[in-house]
Amino acid sequence: MPIFSVHYDLDLPDEYAAFYDALEAYTHRHVMDGCWLLETTGNAADIRDRLRPHLTSQDSLLVAQVSQDWAGAGTECGDWLNESQRNFG
C-alpha cells in the first residue's frame, strides 16, 4: 500500500480535533509537529479531500507520496518505513 507524507500548518493547532481524528483514521505514524505518514490505497487528492473540510482558509496542507528514496534524522518512523518498503513502487 502506498505511503503518503502529510504536512500542514494550522492557524490554531489546538482546535482541530476532527482534523487529527481524520489523520488517525489511517494507518499512520506521527513523525513530528505538522508531519504525518499515512498508509492508504487512495491517492494524494483523496487524502487532501478527506482532510480539507477540517481546515480553515488560514491553514496550509501538502500531501505527497513517499518514494523508496527517503532519509531522516531524529524521527521514530524509519523502522516503520523500512517495514513498509515493499509498498514503494
Protein backbone atom coordinates (compact mmCIF):
# COMPACT_ATOMS: atom_id res chain seq x y z
CA MET A 1 0.00 0.00 0.00
CA PRO A 2 1.41 3.46 -0.81
CA ILE A 3 2.78 5.73 1.93
CA PHE A 4 1.94 9.44 1.87
CA SER A 5 3.60 12.27 3.73
CA VAL A 6 1.15 14.85 5.05
CA HIS A 7 2.47 18.27 6.06
CA TYR A 8 0.34 21.02 7.49
CA ASP A 9 0.49 24.45 9.09
CA LEU A 10 -2.59 25.11 11.19
CA ASP A 11 -3.67 28.55 12.34
CA LEU A 12 -4.91 27.27 15.73
CA PRO A 13 -3.44 23.74 16.04
CA ASP A 14 -5.06 23.02 19.42
CA GLU A 15 -8.57 23.43 17.97
CA TYR A 16 -8.54 20.76 15.26
CA ALA A 17 -9.79 17.57 16.93
CA ALA A 18 -11.71 16.48 13.80
CA PHE A 19 -8.62 17.05 11.63
CA TYR A 20 -6.47 14.86 13.89
CA ASP A 21 -9.22 12.24 14.09
CA ALA A 22 -9.25 12.11 10.27
CA LEU A 23 -5.46 11.61 10.21
CA GLU A 24 -5.65 8.89 12.86
CA ALA A 25 -8.27 7.01 10.85
CA TYR A 26 -5.44 5.93 8.52
CA THR A 27 -2.65 3.51 9.35
CA HIS A 28 -0.16 6.19 10.35
CA ARG A 29 2.95 7.43 12.09
CA HIS A 30 3.10 10.91 13.59
CA VAL A 31 6.62 11.89 12.56
CA MET A 32 6.92 15.39 14.02
CA ASP A 33 4.86 18.53 14.53
CA GLY A 34 2.99 19.15 11.32
CA CYS A 35 4.10 15.92 9.61
CA TRP A 36 2.44 12.50 9.47
CA LEU A 37 2.97 9.42 7.33
CA LEU A 38 -0.19 7.65 6.18
CA GLU A 39 -0.63 4.28 4.53
CA THR A 40 -3.65 4.01 2.22
CA THR A 41 -4.83 2.59 -1.08
CA GLY A 42 -6.03 6.04 -2.14
CA ASN A 43 -4.05 8.86 -3.67
CA ALA A 44 -2.85 12.29 -2.53
CA ALA A 45 -6.02 14.03 -3.72
CA ASP A 46 -8.20 11.56 -1.77
CA ILE A 47 -6.31 12.35 1.43
CA ARG A 48 -6.43 16.09 0.78
CA ASP A 49 -10.17 15.92 0.12
CA ARG A 50 -10.76 13.99 3.35
CA LEU A 51 -8.75 16.46 5.44
CA ARG A 52 -9.75 19.73 3.76
CA PRO A 53 -13.21 20.08 5.40
CA HIS A 54 -11.47 20.26 8.78
CA LEU A 55 -9.24 23.21 7.78
CA THR A 56 -9.81 26.94 7.65
CA SER A 57 -8.78 29.32 4.89
CA GLN A 58 -5.75 30.29 7.05
CA ASP A 59 -4.36 26.72 7.08
CA SER A 60 -1.96 25.02 4.66
CA LEU A 61 -1.80 21.36 3.64
CA LEU A 62 0.55 19.33 1.43
CA VAL A 63 0.14 15.61 0.65
CA ALA A 64 2.81 13.73 -1.33
CA GLN A 65 3.54 10.07 -1.98
CA VAL A 66 6.77 8.84 -0.38
CA SER A 67 9.19 7.07 -2.68
CA GLN A 68 11.84 4.50 -1.94
CA ASP A 69 14.37 7.34 -1.74
CA TRP A 70 13.85 8.84 1.71
CA ALA A 71 16.10 9.91 4.55
CA GLY A 72 15.51 11.20 8.04
CA ALA A 73 17.22 12.05 11.31
CA GLY A 74 15.82 12.20 14.80
CA THR A 75 12.49 10.58 13.92
CA GLU A 76 11.00 7.30 15.02
CA CYS A 77 9.45 6.46 11.64
CA GLY A 78 12.45 4.79 9.98
CA ASP A 79 11.61 1.27 11.13
CA TRP A 80 8.00 1.70 10.01
CA LEU A 81 9.11 2.96 6.59
CA ASN A 82 11.63 0.12 6.26
CA GLU A 83 8.91 -2.42 7.08
CA SER A 84 6.64 -0.75 4.53
CA GLN A 85 9.34 -0.56 1.85
CA ARG A 86 7.70 -3.38 -0.06
CA ASN A 87 4.95 -0.83 -0.75
CA PHE A 88 7.19 1.53 -2.67
CA GLY A 89 6.93 1.17 -6.39
